[in-house]
Amino acid sequence: MADLSRTGPVERDVEQ
């Protein structure tokens, strides 16, 4: 579900 986080800077938090 990294696609949803890609819409914002939250993707960095989700990846880790």
PDB file of N, CA and C in Angstrom:
ATOM      1  N   MET A   1       0.856  -1.222   0.000  1.00  0.00           N
ATOM      2  CA  MET A   1       0.000   0.000   0.000  1.00  0.00           C
ATOM      3  C   MET A   1       0.879   1.255   0.000  1.00  0.00           C
ATOM      4  N   ALA A   2       2.029   1.149  -0.619  1.00  0.00           N
ATOM      5  CA  ALA A   2       2.930   2.311  -0.660  1.00  0.00           C
ATOM      6  C   ALA A   2       2.413   3.348  -1.652  1.00  0.00           C
ATOM      7  N   ASP A   3       1.512   2.923  -2.518  1.00  0.00           N
ATOM      8  CA  ASP A   3       0.987   3.858  -3.534  1.00  0.00           C
ATOM      9  C   ASP A   3       0.207   4.997  -2.860  1.00  0.00           C
ATOM     10  N   LEU A   4      -0.566   4.658  -1.843  1.00  0.00           N
ATOM     11  CA  LEU A   4      -1.376   5.687  -1.165  1.00  0.00           C
ATOM     12  C   LEU A   4      -0.457   6.682  -0.448  1.00  0.00           C
ATOM     13  N   SER A   5       0.607   6.171   0.135  1.00  0.00           N
ATOM     14  CA  SER A   5       1.506   7.058   0.883  1.00  0.00           C
ATOM     15  C   SER A   5       2.301   7.927  -0.094  1.00  0.00           C
ATOM     16  N   ARG A   6       2.428   7.481  -1.332  1.00  0.00           N
ATOM     17  CA  ARG A   6       3.228   8.249  -2.311  1.00  0.00           C
ATOM     18  C   ARG A   6       2.606   9.639  -2.526  1.00  0.00           C
ATOM     19  N   THR A   7       1.348   9.790  -2.186  1.00  0.00           N
ATOM     20  CA  THR A   7       0.675  11.084  -2.431  1.00  0.00           C
ATOM     21  C   THR A   7       1.217  12.137  -1.457  1.00  0.00           C
ATOM     22  N   GLY A   8       1.968  11.731  -0.472  1.00  0.00           N
ATOM     23  CA  GLY A   8       2.483  12.729   0.492  1.00  0.00           C
ATOM     24  C   GLY A   8       3.825  12.300   1.071  1.00  0.00           C
ATOM     25  N   PRO A   9       4.368  13.085   1.979  1.00  0.00           N
ATOM     26  CA  PRO A   9       5.660  12.813   2.602  1.00  0.00           C
ATOM     27  C   PRO A   9       5.574  11.652   3.592  1.00  0.00           C
ATOM     28  N   VAL A  10       4.396  11.107   3.728  1.00  0.00           N
ATOM     29  CA  VAL A  10       4.229  10.001   4.685  1.00  0.00           C
ATOM     30  C   VAL A  10       4.875   8.732   4.139  1.00  0.00           C
ATOM     31  N   GLU A  11       5.101   8.692   2.837  1.00  0.00           N
ATOM     32  CA  GLU A  11       5.694   7.484   2.227  1.00  0.00           C
ATOM     33  C   GLU A  11       7.014   7.133   2.914  1.00  0.00           C
ATOM     34  N   ARG A  12       7.752   8.129   3.355  1.00  0.00           N
ATOM     35  CA  ARG A  12       9.038   7.857   4.020  1.00  0.00           C
ATOM     36  C   ARG A  12       8.795   7.109   5.332  1.00  0.00           C
ATOM     37  N   ASP A  13       7.725   7.442   6.002  1.00  0.00           N
ATOM     38  CA  ASP A  13       7.418   6.787   7.281  1.00  0.00           C
ATOM     39  C   ASP A  13       6.906   5.368   7.032  1.00  0.00           C
ATOM     40  N   VAL A  14       6.160   5.215   5.983  1.00  0.00           N
ATOM     41  CA  VAL A  14       5.570   3.896   5.674  1.00  0.00           C
ATOM     42  C   VAL A  14       6.650   2.931   5.215  1.00  0.00           C
ATOM     43  N   GLU A  15       7.605   3.418   4.470  1.00  0.00           N
ATOM     44  CA  GLU A  15       8.681   2.532   3.966  1.00  0.00           C
ATOM     45  C   GLU A  15       9.471   1.949   5.127  1.00  0.00           C
ATOM     46  N   GLN A  16       9.691   2.740   6.144  1.00  0.00           N
ATOM     47  CA  GLN A  16      10.482   2.261   7.285  1.00  0.00           C
ATOM     48  C   GLN A  16       9.561   1.539   8.239  1.00  0.00           C
TER      49      GLN A  16
END
